[in-house]
Amino acid sequence: MSTRQNSHPTTDGSVKPLVSGTVIPLVTALDTQGRPDAEAVEPLLAYLAEGGVTSLLLAGTNGEGPLLPGDGVRRYATEVTARWRALVGEAATVMVAATGPGTRETRQRIEALDGVDLDAVVVLAPFYFKHTERELLAHFQAAAALDRPVVVYNSPAYTGNPVPVSLVRRLLDEPGIVGLKDNSGDTAQFGQFCELAGKRPGFGVAQGIERQLDVALRLGAAGTVPGVGMLAPALCVDLFRAGSSGDDATATALQQDVNRLAALFAIRPGASGVVIMKTALHLLGLCPATAAEPFLPCTDDELAALRTALDDLSDVLRRA
């Protein structure tokens, strides 16, 4: 993996975190055999670039990373990264999630990305077993020891192992850990994360809960990671710009449109939004609808509801 700066100086002399701006958690386009297909995601990449996006996260939740083999993630990341950098230029940033139930597989997934032109890897807590804070600290330290910039991903709904404020305070002492993506939904805790980040220049905290983007920016978030940004990238970029510049009224108004997009996931309640997102993108001509097993395609009723919902959202989708 090539070495890139994990933060950048700005015109006022401050340090811009690597985890900043509007980061899109990209889907993994799959062919009919379930194999990652970088060529098939090109229309979506062009759409995102046109909407003002410069940063991608691959193989995360929206990217079905935990369901894909490490070698498949490597091939997809290699090809998508090359396409994205050619499309966006120097501003392009690419991160890849390395997800394993324990430290050994997480390290193996990071090592499988060796030689890929990435800016950082994104590492979740272990999942399935419950772990102590000392064990979680050792897990993230082991990932950072591989000499690649690491973004910690706090997603307790998926891992069962929340990353508490006390742990983030300790992780700030690890120079290889450059940021935090928080999907906990706890706004009070998120504010504490942002306060801690202010103590270390270049450490960025990003909000991954789509219905809380405007609130997170008021609390000091350096970035947002909205999955629905694949449907309306310009909307999410505009929201970030408004919120980060202190225009709270505009950010709040734009948040309402983001919430309308997020309501699409209610078409398949009680499940991850992967199938709904991919099918919506497919209906917009941006990506194949195929998802990894055991995900199943939309039923006829779900497809009809999704078509109607997208028609109702035409005013939001036209922002891109």
Protein backbone atom coordinates (compact mmCIF):
# COMPACT_ATOMS: atom_id res chain seq x y z
CA MET A 1 0.00 0.00 0.00
CA SER A 2 1.42 3.37 -0.94
CA THR A 3 2.06 5.88 1.83
CA ARG A 4 -0.09 8.99 1.68
CA GLN A 5 -0.40 11.87 4.09
CA ASN A 6 -3.14 11.22 6.63
CA SER A 7 -3.82 14.94 7.10
CA HIS A 8 -3.26 18.07 5.07
CA PRO A 9 -2.42 21.67 5.96
CA THR A 10 -5.07 24.25 5.06
CA THR A 11 -4.66 27.85 3.98
CA ASP A 12 -5.09 29.10 7.56
CA GLY A 13 -2.35 26.80 8.87
CA SER A 14 -4.69 24.30 10.54
CA VAL A 15 -4.63 20.60 9.76
CA LYS A 16 -7.41 19.02 7.70
CA PRO A 17 -8.15 15.45 8.81
CA LEU A 18 -8.13 12.64 6.30
CA VAL A 19 -11.61 11.79 7.60
CA SER A 20 -13.42 14.91 6.47
CA GLY A 21 -16.04 16.18 4.06
CA THR A 22 -18.68 13.96 2.47
CA VAL A 23 -17.42 10.36 2.38
CA ILE A 24 -19.55 7.99 0.32
CA PRO A 25 -19.74 4.36 1.57
CA LEU A 26 -19.72 2.85 -1.90
CA VAL A 27 -21.63 -0.30 -2.82
CA THR A 28 -19.71 -3.23 -4.25
CA ALA A 29 -21.05 -3.87 -7.74
CA LEU A 30 -21.45 -7.62 -8.27
CA ASP A 31 -21.93 -9.60 -11.45
CA THR A 32 -24.63 -12.27 -11.72
CA GLN A 33 -22.24 -14.80 -10.14
CA GLY A 34 -21.74 -12.58 -7.10
CA ARG A 35 -18.20 -11.52 -8.05
CA PRO A 36 -17.06 -7.90 -7.55
CA ASP A 37 -17.22 -6.03 -10.84
CA ALA A 38 -15.44 -2.66 -10.81
CA GLU A 39 -16.40 -1.82 -14.39
CA ALA A 40 -20.10 -2.02 -13.49
CA VAL A 41 -19.77 0.74 -10.89
CA GLU A 42 -18.34 3.30 -13.33
CA PRO A 43 -21.69 5.09 -13.94
CA LEU A 44 -22.08 5.55 -10.19
CA LEU A 45 -18.52 6.86 -9.82
CA ALA A 46 -19.16 9.44 -12.53
CA TYR A 47 -22.43 10.45 -10.85
CA LEU A 48 -20.68 10.91 -7.51
CA ALA A 49 -17.85 12.96 -8.99
CA GLU A 50 -20.35 15.18 -10.81
CA GLY A 51 -22.08 15.74 -7.46
CA GLY A 52 -18.89 17.04 -5.86
CA VAL A 53 -17.81 13.94 -3.93
CA THR A 54 -14.06 13.31 -3.56
CA SER A 55 -13.90 10.61 -0.83
CA LEU A 56 -14.97 6.96 -0.92
CA LEU A 57 -15.20 4.18 1.64
CA LEU A 58 -15.13 0.71 0.07
CA ALA A 59 -16.18 -2.66 1.55
CA GLY A 60 -18.06 -1.16 4.47
CA THR A 61 -21.64 -2.00 5.41
CA ASN A 62 -23.08 -0.63 2.17
CA GLY A 63 -20.21 -2.36 0.37
CA GLU A 64 -21.11 -5.76 1.90
CA GLY A 65 -17.47 -6.11 2.99
CA PRO A 66 -17.98 -8.80 5.65
CA LEU A 67 -19.73 -11.02 3.07
CA LEU A 68 -16.94 -10.78 0.50
CA PRO A 69 -13.64 -12.71 0.42
CA GLY A 70 -10.48 -10.72 1.03
CA ASP A 71 -9.09 -11.36 -2.45
CA GLY A 72 -12.31 -10.11 -4.02
CA VAL A 73 -12.17 -6.93 -1.93
CA ARG A 74 -8.54 -6.44 -2.99
CA ARG A 75 -9.32 -6.69 -6.71
CA TYR A 76 -12.31 -4.40 -6.44
CA ALA A 77 -10.41 -1.86 -4.34
CA THR A 78 -7.47 -1.86 -6.74
CA GLU A 79 -9.62 -1.21 -9.81
CA VAL A 80 -12.07 1.24 -8.21
CA THR A 81 -9.27 3.24 -6.63
CA ALA A 82 -7.51 3.62 -9.98
CA ARG A 83 -10.75 4.69 -11.66
CA TRP A 84 -11.61 7.13 -8.88
CA ARG A 85 -8.19 8.81 -8.83
CA ALA A 86 -8.27 9.18 -12.62
CA LEU A 87 -11.74 10.70 -12.40
CA VAL A 88 -11.28 13.06 -9.44
CA GLY A 89 -7.56 13.80 -9.50
CA GLU A 90 -5.44 14.90 -6.54
CA ALA A 91 -8.47 15.52 -4.31
CA ALA A 92 -9.46 11.84 -4.43
CA THR A 93 -9.43 9.90 -1.16
CA VAL A 94 -10.11 6.16 -0.83
CA MET A 95 -10.48 4.10 2.33
CA VAL A 96 -11.27 0.39 2.57
CA ALA A 97 -12.92 -1.39 5.50
CA ALA A 98 -11.14 -4.44 6.89
CA THR A 99 -13.69 -6.43 8.87
CA GLY A 100 -13.05 -9.62 10.80
CA PRO A 101 -14.62 -11.34 13.82
CA GLY A 102 -11.26 -11.14 15.55
CA THR A 103 -7.86 -9.53 15.34
CA ARG A 104 -6.21 -12.24 13.24
CA GLU A 105 -8.68 -12.04 10.35
CA THR A 106 -8.76 -8.24 10.55
CA ARG A 107 -4.98 -8.16 10.18
CA GLN A 108 -5.15 -10.64 7.31
CA ARG A 109 -7.67 -8.45 5.49
CA ILE A 110 -5.44 -5.41 5.96
CA GLU A 111 -2.41 -7.33 4.75
CA ALA A 112 -4.41 -8.49 1.70
CA LEU A 113 -4.59 -4.82 0.68
CA ASP A 114 -0.82 -4.47 0.52
CA GLY A 115 0.18 -2.56 -2.62
CA VAL A 116 -3.28 -1.03 -3.17
CA ASP A 117 -3.14 2.77 -3.51
CA LEU A 118 -5.23 3.61 -0.43
CA ASP A 119 -5.29 6.49 2.02
CA ALA A 120 -6.43 4.47 5.05
CA VAL A 121 -8.08 1.29 6.25
CA VAL A 122 -11.25 1.37 8.34
CA VAL A 123 -11.33 -1.12 11.21
CA LEU A 124 -14.35 -2.27 13.21
CA ALA A 125 -14.30 -3.75 16.66
CA PRO A 126 -14.36 -7.57 16.71
CA PHE A 127 -17.83 -9.10 16.54
CA TYR A 128 -19.72 -12.14 17.88
CA PHE A 129 -17.90 -12.34 21.25
CA LYS A 130 -18.11 -9.57 23.84
CA HIS A 131 -14.76 -7.98 24.66
CA THR A 132 -13.26 -5.83 27.39
CA GLU A 133 -11.93 -2.35 26.72
CA ARG A 134 -8.38 -3.65 27.10
CA GLU A 135 -9.05 -6.25 24.41
CA LEU A 136 -10.55 -3.66 22.08
CA LEU A 137 -7.54 -1.40 22.62
CA ALA A 138 -5.20 -4.28 21.77
CA HIS A 139 -7.27 -5.03 18.64
CA PHE A 140 -6.98 -1.50 17.25
CA GLN A 141 -3.31 -1.26 18.24
CA ALA A 142 -2.61 -4.49 16.35
CA ALA A 143 -4.29 -3.04 13.24
CA ALA A 144 -2.32 0.20 13.52
CA ALA A 145 0.93 -1.75 13.94
CA LEU A 146 0.70 -2.76 10.27
CA ASP A 147 1.86 0.76 9.41
CA ARG A 148 -1.22 1.88 7.52
CA PRO A 149 -3.38 4.80 8.67
CA VAL A 150 -6.37 3.39 10.56
CA VAL A 151 -9.85 4.85 11.00
CA VAL A 152 -11.75 3.27 13.88
CA TYR A 153 -15.34 2.35 13.00
CA ASN A 154 -17.78 2.36 15.92
CA SER A 155 -20.84 0.35 14.88
CA PRO A 156 -22.14 -1.39 18.01
CA ALA A 157 -25.39 -2.52 16.36
CA TYR A 158 -23.31 -4.80 14.11
CA THR A 159 -20.38 -5.72 16.35
CA GLY A 160 -21.96 -5.85 19.80
CA ASN A 161 -18.79 -4.12 21.04
CA PRO A 162 -19.25 -0.35 21.41
CA VAL A 163 -16.21 1.92 21.32
CA PRO A 164 -16.57 4.11 24.42
CA VAL A 165 -15.22 7.61 24.95
CA SER A 166 -12.63 6.24 27.37
CA LEU A 167 -11.22 3.99 24.64
CA VAL A 168 -11.09 6.79 22.05
CA ARG A 169 -9.18 8.89 24.60
CA ARG A 170 -6.55 6.12 24.74
CA LEU A 171 -6.51 5.66 20.98
CA LEU A 172 -5.58 9.31 20.50
CA ASP A 173 -2.12 8.32 21.75
CA GLU A 174 -1.73 5.97 18.77
CA PRO A 175 -0.23 8.01 15.89
CA GLY A 176 -1.34 5.43 13.30
CA ILE A 177 -5.00 5.92 14.21
CA VAL A 178 -6.19 8.98 12.31
CA GLY A 179 -9.94 9.16 12.81
CA LEU A 180 -13.25 7.72 13.92
CA LYS A 181 -16.44 6.89 12.06
CA ASP A 182 -19.32 6.70 14.52
CA ASN A 183 -22.55 4.80 13.84
CA SER A 184 -23.70 4.53 17.43
CA GLY A 185 -26.53 7.04 17.12
CA ASP A 186 -25.63 8.47 20.55
CA THR A 187 -25.45 12.24 19.93
CA ALA A 188 -24.20 13.07 23.43
CA GLN A 189 -21.34 10.62 23.01
CA PHE A 190 -20.67 11.93 19.51
CA GLY A 191 -20.19 15.39 20.94
CA GLN A 192 -17.63 13.97 23.36
CA PHE A 193 -15.82 12.27 20.47
CA CYS A 194 -15.60 15.60 18.65
CA GLU A 195 -14.35 17.35 21.78
CA LEU A 196 -11.61 14.74 22.15
CA ALA A 197 -10.67 15.04 18.47
CA GLY A 198 -10.04 18.74 19.03
CA LYS A 199 -7.15 17.79 21.29
CA ARG A 200 -5.25 16.14 18.43
CA PRO A 201 -4.77 18.04 15.16
CA GLY A 202 -5.56 15.94 12.11
CA PHE A 203 -7.83 13.47 13.92
CA GLY A 204 -11.29 13.54 12.30
CA VAL A 205 -14.64 12.28 13.56
CA ALA A 206 -17.35 11.44 11.02
CA GLN A 207 -21.05 10.76 11.46
CA GLY A 208 -22.46 7.65 9.79
CA ILE A 209 -26.09 7.95 10.91
CA GLU A 210 -27.89 9.63 8.04
CA ARG A 211 -30.67 11.19 10.08
CA GLN A 212 -28.15 12.95 12.33
CA LEU A 213 -25.86 14.66 9.81
CA ASP A 214 -26.87 18.24 10.61
CA VAL A 215 -26.71 17.64 14.35
CA ALA A 216 -23.27 16.03 14.02
CA LEU A 217 -21.94 19.03 12.10
CA ARG A 218 -23.19 21.38 14.80
CA LEU A 219 -21.31 19.24 17.31
CA GLY A 220 -18.06 19.58 15.34
CA ALA A 221 -17.97 16.59 12.99
CA ALA A 222 -15.17 16.76 10.44
CA GLY A 223 -17.08 14.55 8.02
CA THR A 224 -20.27 12.69 7.19
CA VAL A 225 -20.69 9.21 5.70
CA PRO A 226 -24.19 9.07 4.18
CA GLY A 227 -25.14 5.94 2.27
CA VAL A 228 -28.03 7.81 0.65
CA GLY A 229 -25.39 10.11 -0.81
CA MET A 230 -25.11 7.55 -3.59
CA LEU A 231 -28.63 8.54 -4.63
CA ALA A 232 -28.20 12.31 -4.22
CA PRO A 233 -24.52 13.20 -3.83
CA ALA A 234 -24.90 16.94 -4.43
CA LEU A 235 -27.54 17.12 -1.69
CA CYS A 236 -25.20 15.56 0.87
CA VAL A 237 -22.25 17.67 -0.24
CA ASP A 238 -24.38 20.82 0.08
CA LEU A 239 -25.54 19.75 3.54
CA PHE A 240 -21.97 19.24 4.68
CA ARG A 241 -20.85 22.59 3.32
CA ALA A 242 -23.75 24.40 4.99
CA GLY A 243 -23.34 22.65 8.32
CA SER A 244 -19.56 22.96 8.48
CA SER A 245 -19.75 26.68 7.66
CA GLY A 246 -22.26 27.37 10.44
CA ASP A 247 -25.32 27.79 8.21
CA ASP A 248 -27.48 25.69 10.49
CA ALA A 249 -30.78 26.74 8.94
CA THR A 250 -29.77 25.53 5.48
CA ALA A 251 -28.26 22.33 6.88
CA THR A 252 -31.47 21.57 8.79
CA ALA A 253 -33.58 22.15 5.68
CA LEU A 254 -31.36 19.88 3.60
CA GLN A 255 -31.46 17.26 6.36
CA GLN A 256 -35.19 16.90 5.75
CA ASP A 257 -34.48 15.81 2.18
CA VAL A 258 -31.86 13.35 3.41
CA ASN A 259 -34.47 11.96 5.81
CA ARG A 260 -36.86 11.45 2.89
CA LEU A 261 -34.20 9.39 1.14
CA ALA A 262 -33.47 7.39 4.28
CA ALA A 263 -37.16 6.50 4.52
CA LEU A 264 -36.63 4.22 1.50
CA PHE A 265 -35.19 1.60 3.84
CA ALA A 266 -38.61 1.14 5.45
CA ILE A 267 -39.63 -0.70 2.29
CA ARG A 268 -37.81 -3.72 3.74
CA PRO A 269 -38.14 -3.15 7.50
CA GLY A 270 -35.99 -4.95 10.02
CA ALA A 271 -33.20 -5.66 7.54
CA SER A 272 -30.00 -4.01 6.38
CA GLY A 273 -30.60 -1.55 3.56
CA VAL A 274 -28.20 -3.13 1.08
CA VAL A 275 -30.82 -4.62 -1.25
CA ILE A 276 -33.01 -1.52 -1.27
CA MET A 277 -30.02 0.73 -1.96
CA LYS A 278 -28.63 -1.43 -4.75
CA THR A 279 -32.04 -1.83 -6.36
CA ALA A 280 -32.65 1.92 -6.20
CA LEU A 281 -29.29 2.54 -7.84
CA HIS A 282 -30.12 -0.05 -10.49
CA LEU A 283 -33.44 1.67 -11.25
CA LEU A 284 -31.48 4.91 -11.71
CA GLY A 285 -29.09 3.17 -14.11
CA LEU A 286 -26.08 3.47 -11.82
CA CYS A 287 -25.25 -0.03 -10.59
CA PRO A 288 -26.36 -3.70 -10.81
CA ALA A 289 -28.89 -4.81 -8.21
CA THR A 290 -27.14 -8.11 -7.36
CA ALA A 291 -26.29 -8.49 -3.66
CA ALA A 292 -24.20 -11.11 -1.87
CA GLU A 293 -25.86 -14.16 -0.34
CA PRO A 294 -27.90 -14.54 1.79
CA PHE A 295 -29.47 -11.25 0.61
CA LEU A 296 -32.44 -11.85 -1.70
CA PRO A 297 -33.71 -9.57 -4.50
CA CYS A 298 -36.68 -7.26 -3.99
CA THR A 299 -40.07 -8.92 -4.16
CA ASP A 300 -42.56 -7.60 -6.71
CA ASP A 301 -44.29 -5.60 -3.95
CA GLU A 302 -41.01 -4.12 -2.72
CA LEU A 303 -39.99 -3.22 -6.26
CA ALA A 304 -43.30 -1.48 -6.92
CA ALA A 305 -43.04 0.46 -3.66
CA LEU A 306 -39.48 1.46 -4.48
CA ARG A 307 -40.41 2.70 -7.96
CA THR A 308 -43.21 4.82 -6.47
CA ALA A 309 -40.92 6.20 -3.77
CA LEU A 310 -38.22 7.18 -6.27
CA ASP A 311 -40.83 8.96 -8.38
CA ASP A 312 -41.88 10.91 -5.29
CA LEU A 313 -38.22 11.79 -4.65
CA SER A 314 -37.53 13.12 -8.14
CA ASP A 315 -37.09 16.66 -6.81
CA VAL A 316 -34.34 15.49 -4.43
CA LEU A 317 -32.63 13.26 -6.98
CA ARG A 318 -32.47 16.13 -9.46
CA ARG A 319 -30.12 17.99 -7.13
CA ALA A 320 -27.23 15.80 -8.33
